[in-house]
C-alpha atoms as a PDB file:
ATOM      1  CA  MET A   1     -83.966 247.326 109.832  1.00  0.00           C
ATOM      2  CA  SER A   2     -86.103 249.754 107.807  1.00  0.00           C
ATOM      3  CA  ALA A   3     -89.131 247.517 108.300  1.00  0.00           C
ATOM      4  CA  VAL A   4     -88.601 247.569 112.058  1.00  0.00           C
ATOM      5  CA  TRP A   5     -88.254 251.352 112.090  1.00  0.00           C
ATOM      6  CA  ASN A   6     -91.366 251.773 109.961  1.00  0.00           C
ATOM      7  CA  PHE A   7     -93.292 249.633 112.435  1.00  0.00           C
ATOM      8  CA  ILE A   8     -92.008 251.725 115.359  1.00  0.00           C
ATOM      9  CA  GLU A   9     -92.749 255.022 113.611  1.00  0.00           C
ATOM     10  CA  LYS A  10     -96.162 254.154 112.181  1.00  0.00           C
ATOM     11  CA  GLN A  11     -97.650 251.619 114.565  1.00  0.00           C
ATOM     12  CA  LEU A  12     -95.932 252.198 117.910  1.00  0.00           C
ATOM     13  CA  LEU A  13     -95.567 255.977 117.860  1.00  0.00           C
ATOM     14  CA  GLY A  14     -97.964 256.937 115.094  1.00  0.00           C
ATOM     15  CA  MET A  15    -100.555 254.401 116.331  1.00  0.00           C
ATOM     16  CA  GLN A  16    -102.048 253.768 112.890  1.00  0.00           C
ATOM     17  CA  TRP A  17    -103.807 250.760 114.434  1.00  0.00           C
ATOM     18  CA  LEU A  18    -105.707 253.195 116.645  1.00  0.00           C
ATOM     19  CA  LYS A  19    -106.728 255.361 113.675  1.00  0.00           C
ATOM     20  CA  GLU A  20    -107.927 252.300 111.808  1.00  0.00           C
ATOM     21  CA  GLY A  21    -109.844 251.144 114.878  1.00  0.00           C
ATOM     22  CA  VAL A  22    -111.568 254.501 115.316  1.00  0.00           C
ATOM     23  CA  HIS A  23    -112.473 254.509 111.608  1.00  0.00           C
ATOM     24  CA  ALA A  24    -113.900 251.005 111.864  1.00  0.00           C
ATOM     25  CA  LEU A  25    -115.983 251.779 114.950  1.00  0.00           C
ATOM     26  CA  LEU A  26    -117.478 254.896 113.384  1.00  0.00           C
ATOM     27  CA  SER A  27    -118.181 252.930 110.220  1.00  0.00           C
ATOM     28  CA  LEU A  28    -120.012 250.236 112.212  1.00  0.00           C
ATOM     29  CA  SER A  29    -122.162 252.964 113.766  1.00  0.00           C
ATOM     30  CA  GLY A  30    -123.568 253.651 110.289  1.00  0.00           C
ATOM     31  CA  MET A  31    -121.772 256.979 109.726  1.00  0.00           C
ATOM     32  CA  ASN A  32    -120.930 257.997 106.206  1.00  0.00           C
ATOM     33  CA  MET A  33    -117.133 257.748 106.323  1.00  0.00           C
ATOM     34  CA  GLU A  34    -116.775 259.814 103.145  1.00  0.00           C
ATOM     35  CA  SER A  35    -118.189 262.910 104.871  1.00  0.00           C
ATOM     36  CA  ARG A  36    -116.185 265.775 106.392  1.00  0.00           C
ATOM     37  CA  ILE A  37    -117.889 265.230 109.711  1.00  0.00           C
ATOM     38  CA  ALA A  38    -116.638 261.636 109.833  1.00  0.00           C
ATOM     39  CA  ASP A  39    -113.122 262.693 108.885  1.00  0.00           C
ATOM     40  CA  SER A  40    -113.173 265.360 111.612  1.00  0.00           C
ATOM     41  CA  MET A  41    -114.382 262.866 114.220  1.00  0.00           C
ATOM     42  CA  VAL A  42    -111.650 260.351 113.263  1.00  0.00           C
ATOM     43  CA  PHE A  43    -109.007 263.102 113.511  1.00  0.00           C
ATOM     44  CA  PHE A  44    -110.310 264.351 116.867  1.00  0.00           C
ATOM     45  CA  ILE A  45    -110.751 260.952 118.579  1.00  0.00           C
ATOM     46  CA  TYR A  46    -107.540 259.419 117.210  1.00  0.00           C
ATOM     47  CA  ASP A  47    -105.257 262.389 117.928  1.00  0.00           C
ATOM     48  CA  THR A  48    -106.712 262.935 121.426  1.00  0.00           C
ATOM     49  CA  ILE A  49    -106.194 259.330 122.518  1.00  0.00           C
ATOM     50  CA  LYS A  50    -102.760 259.147 120.881  1.00  0.00           C
ATOM     51  CA  ILE A  51    -101.483 262.289 122.540  1.00  0.00           C
ATOM     52  CA  PHE A  52    -102.706 261.337 126.025  1.00  0.00           C
ATOM     53  CA  ILE A  53    -101.173 257.839 125.757  1.00  0.00           C
ATOM     54  CA  LEU A  54     -97.774 259.163 124.666  1.00  0.00           C
ATOM     55  CA  LEU A  55     -97.979 262.036 127.128  1.00  0.00           C
ATOM     56  CA  SER A  56     -98.730 259.782 130.092  1.00  0.00           C
ATOM     57  CA  VAL A  57     -96.078 257.177 129.307  1.00  0.00           C
ATOM     58  CA  LEU A  58     -93.398 259.776 128.692  1.00  0.00           C
ATOM     59  CA  ILE A  59     -94.160 261.936 131.710  1.00  0.00           C
ATOM     60  CA  PHE A  60     -94.036 258.898 133.965  1.00  0.00           C
ATOM     61  CA  GLY A  61     -90.654 257.809 132.603  1.00  0.00           C
ATOM     62  CA  VAL A  62     -89.143 261.258 132.724  1.00  0.00           C
ATOM     63  CA  SER A  63     -90.520 261.934 136.223  1.00  0.00           C
ATOM     64  CA  TYR A  64     -89.104 258.662 137.467  1.00  0.00           C
ATOM     65  CA  LEU A  65     -85.658 259.751 136.283  1.00  0.00           C
ATOM     66  CA  GLN A  66     -86.158 263.285 137.674  1.00  0.00           C
ATOM     67  CA  SER A  67     -86.731 261.818 141.148  1.00  0.00           C
ATOM     68  CA  TYR A  68     -82.971 261.171 141.266  1.00  0.00           C
ATOM     69  CA  PHE A  69     -82.258 264.879 140.744  1.00  0.00           C
ATOM     70  CA  PRO A  70     -83.956 267.114 143.333  1.00  0.00           C
ATOM     71  CA  PRO A  71     -83.567 270.901 142.837  1.00  0.00           C
ATOM     72  CA  ALA A  72     -80.610 271.246 145.239  1.00  0.00           C
ATOM     73  CA  ARG A  73     -78.659 268.537 143.459  1.00  0.00           C
ATOM     74  CA  THR A  74     -79.507 269.961 140.033  1.00  0.00           C
ATOM     75  CA  ARG A  75     -78.279 273.430 141.021  1.00  0.00           C
ATOM     76  CA  LYS A  76     -74.986 271.919 142.245  1.00  0.00           C
ATOM     77  CA  ILE A  77     -74.526 270.101 138.946  1.00  0.00           C
ATOM     78  CA  LEU A  78     -75.152 273.273 136.941  1.00  0.00           C
ATOM     79  CA  GLY A  79     -72.674 275.155 139.122  1.00  0.00           C
ATOM     80  CA  ARG A  80     -69.840 272.939 137.908  1.00  0.00           C
ATOM     81  CA  PHE A  81     -70.078 274.261 134.345  1.00  0.00           C
ATOM     82  CA  HIS A  82     -69.110 277.600 132.843  1.00  0.00           C
ATOM     83  CA  GLY A  83     -69.505 279.418 129.534  1.00  0.00           C
ATOM     84  CA  LEU A  84     -71.368 277.763 126.671  1.00  0.00           C
ATOM     85  CA  SER A  85     -71.143 274.365 128.363  1.00  0.00           C
ATOM     86  CA  ALA A  86     -73.198 275.771 131.236  1.00  0.00           C
ATOM     87  CA  ASN A  87     -75.791 277.091 128.802  1.00  0.00           C
ATOM     88  CA  LEU A  88     -75.857 273.722 127.051  1.00  0.00           C
ATOM     89  CA  MET A  89     -76.450 271.951 130.389  1.00  0.00           C
ATOM     90  CA  GLY A  90     -79.256 274.380 131.205  1.00  0.00           C
ATOM     91  CA  ALA A  91     -80.840 273.791 127.795  1.00  0.00           C
ATOM     92  CA  LEU A  92     -80.497 269.982 128.077  1.00  0.00           C
ATOM     93  CA  LEU A  93     -82.032 270.089 131.509  1.00  0.00           C
ATOM     94  CA  GLY A  94     -84.987 271.865 129.924  1.00  0.00           C
ATOM     95  CA  THR A  95     -85.455 269.023 127.449  1.00  0.00           C
ATOM     96  CA  VAL A  96     -86.164 266.526 130.221  1.00  0.00           C
ATOM     97  CA  THR A  97     -88.655 268.701 132.080  1.00  0.00           C
ATOM     98  CA  PRO A  98     -92.176 268.318 130.671  1.00  0.00           C
ATOM     99  CA  PHE A  99     -93.370 271.777 131.644  1.00  0.00           C
ATOM    100  CA  CYS A 100     -95.230 274.552 129.834  1.00  0.00           C
ATOM    101  CA  SER A 101     -93.717 278.027 129.817  1.00  0.00           C
ATOM    102  CA  CYS A 102     -95.642 279.143 132.925  1.00  0.00           C
ATOM    103  CA  SER A 103     -94.662 276.028 134.915  1.00  0.00           C
ATOM    104  CA  SER A 104     -90.973 276.578 134.000  1.00  0.00           C
ATOM    105  CA  ILE A 105     -90.842 280.073 135.500  1.00  0.00           C
ATOM    106  CA  PRO A 106     -90.777 278.934 139.189  1.00  0.00           C
ATOM    107  CA  ILE A 107     -87.812 276.671 138.370  1.00  0.00           C
ATOM    108  CA  PHE A 108     -86.105 279.598 136.622  1.00  0.00           C
ATOM    109  CA  ILE A 109     -86.646 281.639 139.785  1.00  0.00           C
ATOM    110  CA  GLY A 110     -85.183 278.836 141.885  1.00  0.00           C
ATOM    111  CA  PHE A 111     -82.061 278.702 139.693  1.00  0.00           C
ATOM    112  CA  ALA A 112     -81.652 282.485 139.766  1.00  0.00           C
ATOM    113  CA  SER A 113     -82.006 282.668 143.558  1.00  0.00           C
ATOM    114  CA  ALA A 114     -79.439 279.871 143.921  1.00  0.00           C
ATOM    115  CA  GLY A 115     -76.838 281.916 142.081  1.00  0.00           C
ATOM    116  CA  VAL A 116     -76.989 280.111 138.739  1.00  0.00           C
ATOM    117  CA  PRO A 117     -75.957 282.692 136.084  1.00  0.00           C
ATOM    118  CA  VAL A 118     -78.972 284.411 134.528  1.00  0.00           C
ATOM    119  CA  GLY A 119     -77.981 283.319 131.023  1.00  0.00           C
ATOM    120  CA  VAL A 120     -77.899 279.649 132.063  1.00  0.00           C
ATOM    121  CA  SER A 121     -81.277 280.002 133.796  1.00  0.00           C
ATOM    122  CA  LEU A 122     -82.687 281.626 130.649  1.00  0.00           C
ATOM    123  CA  SER A 123     -81.325 278.782 128.473  1.00  0.00           C
ATOM    124  CA  PHE A 124     -83.399 276.449 130.654  1.00  0.00           C
ATOM    125  CA  LEU A 125     -86.404 278.741 130.439  1.00  0.00           C
ATOM    126  CA  ILE A 126     -86.271 278.772 126.611  1.00  0.00           C
ATOM    127  CA  SER A 127     -85.764 275.040 126.136  1.00  0.00           C
ATOM    128  CA  SER A 128     -88.111 273.672 128.834  1.00  0.00           C
ATOM    129  CA  PRO A 129     -91.427 274.477 127.122  1.00  0.00           C
ATOM    130  CA  LEU A 130     -89.936 274.468 123.631  1.00  0.00           C
ATOM    131  CA  VAL A 131     -88.065 271.164 123.399  1.00  0.00           C
ATOM    132  CA  ASP A 132     -88.773 268.075 125.450  1.00  0.00           C
ATOM    133  CA  LEU A 133     -88.916 264.346 124.919  1.00  0.00           C
ATOM    134  CA  GLY A 134     -92.690 264.426 124.624  1.00  0.00           C
ATOM    135  CA  ALA A 135     -92.458 266.959 121.790  1.00  0.00           C
ATOM    136  CA  PHE A 136     -89.852 264.804 120.056  1.00  0.00           C
ATOM    137  CA  LEU A 137     -92.022 261.675 120.221  1.00  0.00           C
ATOM    138  CA  LEU A 138     -95.162 263.434 119.049  1.00  0.00           C
ATOM    139  CA  LEU A 139     -93.298 265.205 116.237  1.00  0.00           C
ATOM    140  CA  LEU A 140     -91.762 261.862 115.297  1.00  0.00           C
ATOM    141  CA  SER A 141     -95.225 260.285 115.117  1.00  0.00           C
ATOM    142  CA  VAL A 142     -96.516 263.068 112.844  1.00  0.00           C
ATOM    143  CA  PHE A 143     -93.563 264.378 110.800  1.00  0.00           C
ATOM    144  CA  GLY A 144     -91.001 261.595 110.918  1.00  0.00           C
ATOM    145  CA  LEU A 145     -87.474 261.363 112.335  1.00  0.00           C
ATOM    146  CA  LYS A 146     -85.729 264.028 110.233  1.00  0.00           C
ATOM    147  CA  ILE A 147     -88.083 266.838 111.121  1.00  0.00           C
ATOM    148  CA  ALA A 148     -88.438 265.802 114.765  1.00  0.00           C
ATOM    149  CA  ALA A 149     -84.677 265.624 115.256  1.00  0.00           C
ATOM    150  CA  ALA A 150     -84.107 268.897 113.416  1.00  0.00           C
ATOM    151  CA  TYR A 151     -86.700 270.643 115.593  1.00  0.00           C
ATOM    152  CA  VAL A 152     -85.021 269.447 118.792  1.00  0.00           C
ATOM    153  CA  ILE A 153     -81.548 270.402 117.586  1.00  0.00           C
ATOM    154  CA  VAL A 154     -82.475 273.947 116.502  1.00  0.00           C
ATOM    155  CA  GLY A 155     -84.502 274.409 119.690  1.00  0.00           C
ATOM    156  CA  ILE A 156     -81.476 273.534 121.826  1.00  0.00           C
ATOM    157  CA  ILE A 157     -79.252 275.779 119.732  1.00  0.00           C
ATOM    158  CA  LEU A 158     -81.716 278.648 120.188  1.00  0.00           C
ATOM    159  CA  ALA A 159     -81.747 278.051 123.954  1.00  0.00           C
ATOM    160  CA  VAL A 160     -77.946 277.863 124.213  1.00  0.00           C
ATOM    161  CA  LEU A 161     -77.140 280.852 122.020  1.00  0.00           C
ATOM    162  CA  GLY A 162     -80.029 282.919 123.361  1.00  0.00           C
ATOM    163  CA  GLY A 163     -79.016 282.376 126.967  1.00  0.00           C
ATOM    164  CA  ALA A 164     -75.333 282.963 126.194  1.00  0.00           C
ATOM    165  CA  LEU A 165     -76.084 286.244 124.381  1.00  0.00           C
ATOM    166  CA  LEU A 166     -78.246 287.489 127.227  1.00  0.00           C
ATOM    167  CA  ASP A 167     -75.479 286.524 129.648  1.00  0.00           C
ATOM    168  CA  LYS A 168     -72.907 288.521 127.631  1.00  0.00           C
ATOM    169  CA  LEU A 169     -75.157 291.596 127.896  1.00  0.00           C
ATOM    170  CA  GLY A 170     -74.361 291.609 131.654  1.00  0.00           C
ATOM    171  CA  MET A 171     -77.903 291.633 133.011  1.00  0.00           C
ATOM    172  CA  GLU A 172     -77.453 289.847 136.338  1.00  0.00           C
ATOM    173  CA  ASP A 173     -78.778 293.007 138.059  1.00  0.00           C
ATOM    174  CA  GLN A 174     -81.925 292.833 135.955  1.00  0.00           C
ATOM    175  CA  VAL A 175     -83.304 289.966 138.061  1.00  0.00           C
ATOM    176  CA  GLU A 176     -85.566 291.302 140.798  1.00  0.00           C
ATOM    177  CA  GLU A 177     -83.865 291.836 144.178  1.00  0.00           C
ATOM    178  CA  PHE A 178     -86.240 289.591 146.081  1.00  0.00           C
ATOM    179  CA  ILE A 179     -84.961 286.681 143.959  1.00  0.00           C
ATOM    180  CA  ARG A 180     -81.257 287.542 143.884  1.00  0.00           C
ATOM    181  CA  LEU A 181     -81.093 288.207 147.614  1.00  0.00           C
ATOM    182  CA  THR A 182     -83.080 285.203 148.778  1.00  0.00           C
ATOM    183  CA  PRO A 183     -80.902 282.945 150.955  1.00  0.00           C
ATOM    184  CA  VAL A 184     -80.530 279.453 149.545  1.00  0.00           C
ATOM    185  CA  ALA A 185     -81.536 276.599 151.815  1.00  0.00           C
ATOM    186  CA  GLU A 186     -79.515 273.434 151.335  1.00  0.00           C
ATOM    187  CA  ALA A 187     -81.979 270.607 151.230  1.00  0.00           C
ATOM    188  CA  GLN A 188     -80.862 267.170 152.358  1.00  0.00           C
ATOM    189  CA  GLN A 189     -80.696 264.434 149.713  1.00  0.00           C
ATOM    190  CA  GLU A 190     -83.778 262.302 150.097  1.00  0.00           C
ATOM    191  CA  THR A 191     -83.510 258.578 149.460  1.00  0.00           C
ATOM    192  CA  LEU A 192     -86.560 257.228 147.672  1.00  0.00           C
ATOM    193  CA  SER A 193     -87.538 253.633 147.155  1.00  0.00           C
ATOM    194  CA  TRP A 194     -88.604 252.200 143.821  1.00  0.00           C
ATOM    195  CA  LYS A 195     -92.205 252.395 144.974  1.00  0.00           C
ATOM    196  CA  ASP A 196     -91.796 256.046 146.022  1.00  0.00           C
ATOM    197  CA  ARG A 197     -90.383 256.947 142.614  1.00  0.00           C
ATOM    198  CA  CYS A 198     -93.282 255.212 140.854  1.00  0.00           C
ATOM    199  CA  VAL A 199     -95.777 257.091 143.039  1.00  0.00           C
ATOM    200  CA  TYR A 200     -93.953 260.345 142.226  1.00  0.00           C
ATOM    201  CA  GLY A 201     -94.122 259.553 138.505  1.00  0.00           C
ATOM    202  CA  LYS A 202     -97.839 258.709 138.731  1.00  0.00           C
ATOM    203  CA  ASN A 203     -98.542 261.959 140.613  1.00  0.00           C
ATOM    204  CA  GLN A 204     -96.622 263.970 138.016  1.00  0.00           C
ATOM    205  CA  VAL A 205     -98.656 262.367 135.219  1.00  0.00           C
ATOM    206  CA  ALA A 206    -101.893 263.258 137.023  1.00  0.00           C
ATOM    207  CA  SER A 207    -100.729 266.806 137.778  1.00  0.00           C
ATOM    208  CA  ILE A 208     -99.519 267.642 134.271  1.00  0.00           C
ATOM    209  CA  VAL A 209    -102.487 266.008 132.516  1.00  0.00           C
ATOM    210  CA  ARG A 210    -104.832 268.083 134.696  1.00  0.00           C
ATOM    211  CA  LYS A 211    -102.993 271.225 133.557  1.00  0.00           C
ATOM    212  CA  VAL A 212    -102.830 270.485 129.841  1.00  0.00           C
ATOM    213  CA  TRP A 213    -105.912 268.415 128.958  1.00  0.00           C
ATOM    214  CA  LYS A 214    -108.041 271.372 127.895  1.00  0.00           C
ATOM    215  CA  TYR A 215    -105.266 272.772 125.694  1.00  0.00           C
ATOM    216  CA  VAL A 216    -104.858 269.382 124.062  1.00  0.00           C
ATOM    217  CA  LEU A 217    -108.579 269.173 123.319  1.00  0.00           C
ATOM    218  CA  ILE A 218    -108.644 272.730 121.970  1.00  0.00           C
ATOM    219  CA  GLY A 219    -105.584 272.071 119.817  1.00  0.00           C
ATOM    220  CA  VAL A 220    -107.000 268.849 118.423  1.00  0.00           C
ATOM    221  CA  GLY A 221    -110.330 270.553 117.778  1.00  0.00           C
ATOM    222  CA  ILE A 222    -108.650 273.379 115.839  1.00  0.00           C
ATOM    223  CA  GLY A 223    -106.602 270.809 113.975  1.00  0.00           C
ATOM    224  CA  ALA A 224    -109.709 268.873 112.996  1.00  0.00           C
ATOM    225  CA  VAL A 225    -111.317 272.041 111.621  1.00  0.00           C
ATOM    226  CA  ILE A 226    -108.218 273.028 109.658  1.00  0.00           C
ATOM    227  CA  HIS A 227    -107.733 269.484 108.376  1.00  0.00           C
ATOM    228  CA  ASN A 228    -111.225 269.034 107.021  1.00  0.00           C
ATOM    229  CA  TRP A 229    -112.971 272.382 106.715  1.00  0.00           C
ATOM    230  CA  ILE A 230    -110.428 275.051 105.712  1.00  0.00           C
ATOM    231  CA  PRO A 231    -109.790 275.036 101.936  1.00  0.00           C
ATOM    232  CA  GLN A 232    -106.263 273.937 101.134  1.00  0.00           C
ATOM    233  CA  GLU A 233    -105.616 276.845  98.800  1.00  0.00           C
ATOM    234  CA  TRP A 234    -106.333 279.289 101.650  1.00  0.00           C
ATOM    235  CA  VAL A 235    -103.707 277.670 103.841  1.00  0.00           C
ATOM    236  CA  VAL A 236    -101.172 277.502 101.009  1.00  0.00           C
ATOM    237  CA  ASN A 237    -101.691 281.144 100.021  1.00  0.00           C
ATOM    238  CA  LEU A 238    -101.497 282.437 103.577  1.00  0.00           C
ATOM    239  CA  LEU A 239     -98.997 280.109 105.243  1.00  0.00           C
ATOM    240  CA  GLY A 240     -97.260 278.330 102.375  1.00  0.00           C
ATOM    241  CA  SER A 241     -93.506 278.750 101.943  1.00  0.00           C
ATOM    242  CA  GLY A 242     -94.236 280.829  98.850  1.00  0.00           C
ATOM    243  CA  ASN A 243     -95.544 283.660 101.011  1.00  0.00           C
ATOM    244  CA  PRO A 244     -92.444 285.597 102.246  1.00  0.00           C
ATOM    245  CA  PHE A 245     -94.362 286.912 105.264  1.00  0.00           C
ATOM    246  CA  SER A 246     -95.773 283.583 106.414  1.00  0.00           C
ATOM    247  CA  VAL A 247     -93.134 283.050 109.116  1.00  0.00           C
ATOM    248  CA  ILE A 248     -93.650 286.547 110.525  1.00  0.00           C
ATOM    249  CA  LEU A 249     -97.427 286.098 110.462  1.00  0.00           C
ATOM    250  CA  ALA A 250     -97.266 282.683 112.191  1.00  0.00           C
ATOM    251  CA  THR A 251     -94.963 284.051 114.918  1.00  0.00           C
ATOM    252  CA  ALA A 252     -97.143 287.095 115.495  1.00  0.00           C
ATOM    253  CA  VAL A 253    -100.268 284.931 115.765  1.00  0.00           C
ATOM    254  CA  GLY A 254     -98.580 282.426 118.076  1.00  0.00           C
ATOM    255  CA  ILE A 255     -97.229 284.808 120.733  1.00  0.00           C
ATOM    256  CA  PRO A 256    -100.580 285.977 122.195  1.00  0.00           C
ATOM    257  CA  MET A 257    -101.795 282.396 122.462  1.00  0.00           C
ATOM    258  CA  TYR A 258    -101.248 280.051 125.396  1.00  0.00           C
ATOM    259  CA  ALA A 259    -100.760 276.303 125.008  1.00  0.00           C
ATOM    260  CA  ASP A 260     -98.050 273.772 125.597  1.00  0.00           C
ATOM    261  CA  ILE A 261     -96.297 271.779 122.900  1.00  0.00           C
ATOM    262  CA  PHE A 262     -98.882 268.983 123.136  1.00  0.00           C
ATOM    263  CA  GLY A 263    -101.703 271.355 122.227  1.00  0.00           C
ATOM    264  CA  THR A 264     -99.894 272.861 119.228  1.00  0.00           C
ATOM    265  CA  ILE A 265     -98.839 269.622 117.513  1.00  0.00           C
ATOM    266  CA  PRO A 266    -102.364 268.701 116.300  1.00  0.00           C
ATOM    267  CA  ILE A 267    -102.638 272.159 114.747  1.00  0.00           C
ATOM    268  CA  ALA A 268     -99.203 271.717 113.175  1.00  0.00           C
ATOM    269  CA  GLU A 269    -100.240 268.317 111.797  1.00  0.00           C
ATOM    270  CA  ALA A 270    -103.344 269.790 110.161  1.00  0.00           C
ATOM    271  CA  LEU A 271    -101.473 272.779 108.726  1.00  0.00           C
ATOM    272  CA  TRP A 272     -98.797 270.472 107.305  1.00  0.00           C
ATOM    273  CA  ALA A 273    -101.452 268.295 105.650  1.00  0.00           C
ATOM    274  CA  ARG A 274    -103.040 271.379 104.086  1.00  0.00           C
ATOM    275  CA  GLY A 275     -99.783 272.701 102.594  1.00  0.00           C
ATOM    276  CA  ALA A 276     -98.426 275.203 105.136  1.00  0.00           C
ATOM    277  CA  GLY A 277     -94.655 275.732 105.031  1.00  0.00           C
ATOM    278  CA  LEU A 278     -92.576 273.660 107.403  1.00  0.00           C
ATOM    279  CA  GLY A 279     -90.685 276.650 108.826  1.00  0.00           C
ATOM    280  CA  THR A 280     -93.944 278.572 109.199  1.00  0.00           C
ATOM    281  CA  ILE A 281     -95.439 275.715 111.217  1.00  0.00           C
ATOM    282  CA  LEU A 282     -92.409 275.365 113.491  1.00  0.00           C
ATOM    283  CA  SER A 283     -92.290 279.153 114.037  1.00  0.00           C
ATOM    284  CA  PHE A 284     -95.935 279.054 115.132  1.00  0.00           C
ATOM    285  CA  MET A 285     -95.270 276.188 117.550  1.00  0.00           C
ATOM    286  CA  MET A 286     -92.203 277.868 119.028  1.00  0.00           C
ATOM    287  CA  ALA A 287     -93.932 281.237 119.461  1.00  0.00           C
ATOM    288  CA  VAL A 288     -96.906 279.659 121.246  1.00  0.00           C
ATOM    289  CA  THR A 289     -94.802 277.516 123.596  1.00  0.00           C
ATOM    290  CA  ALA A 290     -91.817 279.772 124.346  1.00  0.00           C
ATOM    291  CA  LEU A 291     -93.377 283.246 124.256  1.00  0.00           C
ATOM    292  CA  SER A 292     -96.995 282.884 125.316  1.00  0.00           C
ATOM    293  CA  LEU A 293     -98.504 286.091 126.693  1.00  0.00           C
ATOM    294  CA  PRO A 294     -99.342 284.599 130.143  1.00  0.00           C
ATOM    295  CA  SER A 295     -95.749 283.390 130.617  1.00  0.00           C
ATOM    296  CA  ILE A 296     -94.388 286.864 129.695  1.00  0.00           C
ATOM    297  CA  ILE A 297     -96.735 288.435 132.257  1.00  0.00           C
ATOM    298  CA  MET A 298     -95.505 285.974 134.912  1.00  0.00           C
ATOM    299  CA  LEU A 299     -91.880 286.483 133.963  1.00  0.00           C
ATOM    300  CA  LYS A 300     -92.321 290.261 134.328  1.00  0.00           C
ATOM    301  CA  GLN A 301     -92.719 289.703 138.078  1.00  0.00           C
ATOM    302  CA  ALA A 302     -89.279 288.043 138.248  1.00  0.00           C
ATOM    303  CA  ILE A 303     -87.093 290.135 135.925  1.00  0.00           C
ATOM    304  CA  LYS A 304     -86.899 293.851 135.077  1.00  0.00           C
ATOM    305  CA  PRO A 305     -88.185 295.369 131.816  1.00  0.00           C
ATOM    306  CA  LYS A 306     -84.728 295.683 130.196  1.00  0.00           C
ATOM    307  CA  LEU A 307     -84.025 291.946 130.560  1.00  0.00           C
ATOM    308  CA  LEU A 308     -87.600 290.978 129.688  1.00  0.00           C
ATOM    309  CA  GLY A 309     -87.466 293.014 126.449  1.00  0.00           C
ATOM    310  CA  SER A 310     -84.068 291.564 125.558  1.00  0.00           C
ATOM    311  CA  PHE A 311     -85.296 288.020 126.273  1.00  0.00           C
ATOM    312  CA  VAL A 312     -88.338 288.434 124.037  1.00  0.00           C
ATOM    313  CA  ALA A 313     -86.329 290.094 121.258  1.00  0.00           C
ATOM    314  CA  VAL A 314     -83.660 287.378 121.223  1.00  0.00           C
ATOM    315  CA  VAL A 315     -86.207 284.554 121.162  1.00  0.00           C
ATOM    316  CA  VAL A 316     -88.354 286.209 118.463  1.00  0.00           C
ATOM    317  CA  VAL A 317     -85.335 286.783 116.190  1.00  0.00           C
ATOM    318  CA  GLY A 318     -84.239 283.192 116.779  1.00  0.00           C
ATOM    319  CA  ILE A 319     -87.678 281.866 115.921  1.00  0.00           C
ATOM    320  CA  LEU A 320     -87.857 283.927 112.745  1.00  0.00           C
ATOM    321  CA  LEU A 321     -84.422 282.737 111.596  1.00  0.00           C
ATOM    322  CA  ILE A 322     -85.364 279.120 112.277  1.00  0.00           C
ATOM    323  CA  GLY A 323     -88.651 279.551 110.381  1.00  0.00           C
ATOM    324  CA  PHE A 324     -87.054 281.089 107.294  1.00  0.00           C
ATOM    325  CA  GLY A 325     -84.276 278.488 107.386  1.00  0.00           C
ATOM    326  CA  PHE A 326     -86.685 275.553 107.530  1.00  0.00           C
ATOM    327  CA  ASN A 327     -88.830 276.920 104.741  1.00  0.00           C
ATOM    328  CA  ALA A 328     -85.744 277.209 102.529  1.00  0.00           C
ATOM    329  CA  ALA A 329     -84.522 273.740 103.505  1.00  0.00           C
ATOM    330  CA  THR A 330     -87.896 271.934 103.297  1.00  0.00           C
ATOM    331  CA  PRO A 331     -86.875 269.769 100.275  1.00  0.00           C
ATOM    332  CA  LEU A 332     -84.137 268.197 102.443  1.00  0.00           C
ATOM    333  CA  PHE A 333     -86.797 266.815 104.810  1.00  0.00           C
ATOM    334  CA  LEU A 334     -89.101 265.348 102.173  1.00  0.00           C
END
């Protein structure tokens, strides 16, 4: 069984065969494979191809399943739950929607206008860019099952507890009036054929790849530089778990940036290889994906400053706690 899992993790998800193939092709071209330039090219080409393959396959599969749950039906399902179970359903719904933070905001607005409690809608908004199946598979291919599973679990917990806390603060009136007072149109359930669902999945792949490709390339490029050109002692001193401020620094650096989870994983991979703390890396990823500056600016158009400030504060505190916790528990994952 362990041999089968190793094959799945290293060859199917990690695509070591692809890395070896890229290395062999560059070697045949006459390049000195002991040089930093060669190592950087292998990292860049291999990670880029791997991410786009996994991304395309996963988005197609998830989109095919999503075609059975149009927005009207999803809102009805969420309406059947109350309390923490409702927040959990909102968070789990976010895990099967391969959207960046900015793309999740229109869905959040749709939920809020349909009367879904604001805390449940915010649980979705936290988990959708932060935790999805694509992130799990990519993390699995880089960090292994323990870290990938732990990331997903704590991300869902943050979404559930964060949404529940914001709901307890009684901020339903902090959603802009034009959203709360919008009449909800009941769409008819559309019956799609197998071919229609495949076309929908293919269109979703094309749409999402068009949105994220540049962030993936930027992330892989930064990862290649960190992996091969930044001295390891610099990374360890600045972002290693021995630096008590590394989690705060990584979170502060991540928030102004804008990328989706697929663009941050190559950076995380390179930082991990150079000795950065596990919690520090995850805090950086979470800050970039859940609290990017563009998404906060967009969200400001939908909710009032009091709720926006509370949302940011709750998520930041959650990310910091997760980061410090993972740094302390790193030996358990090694």
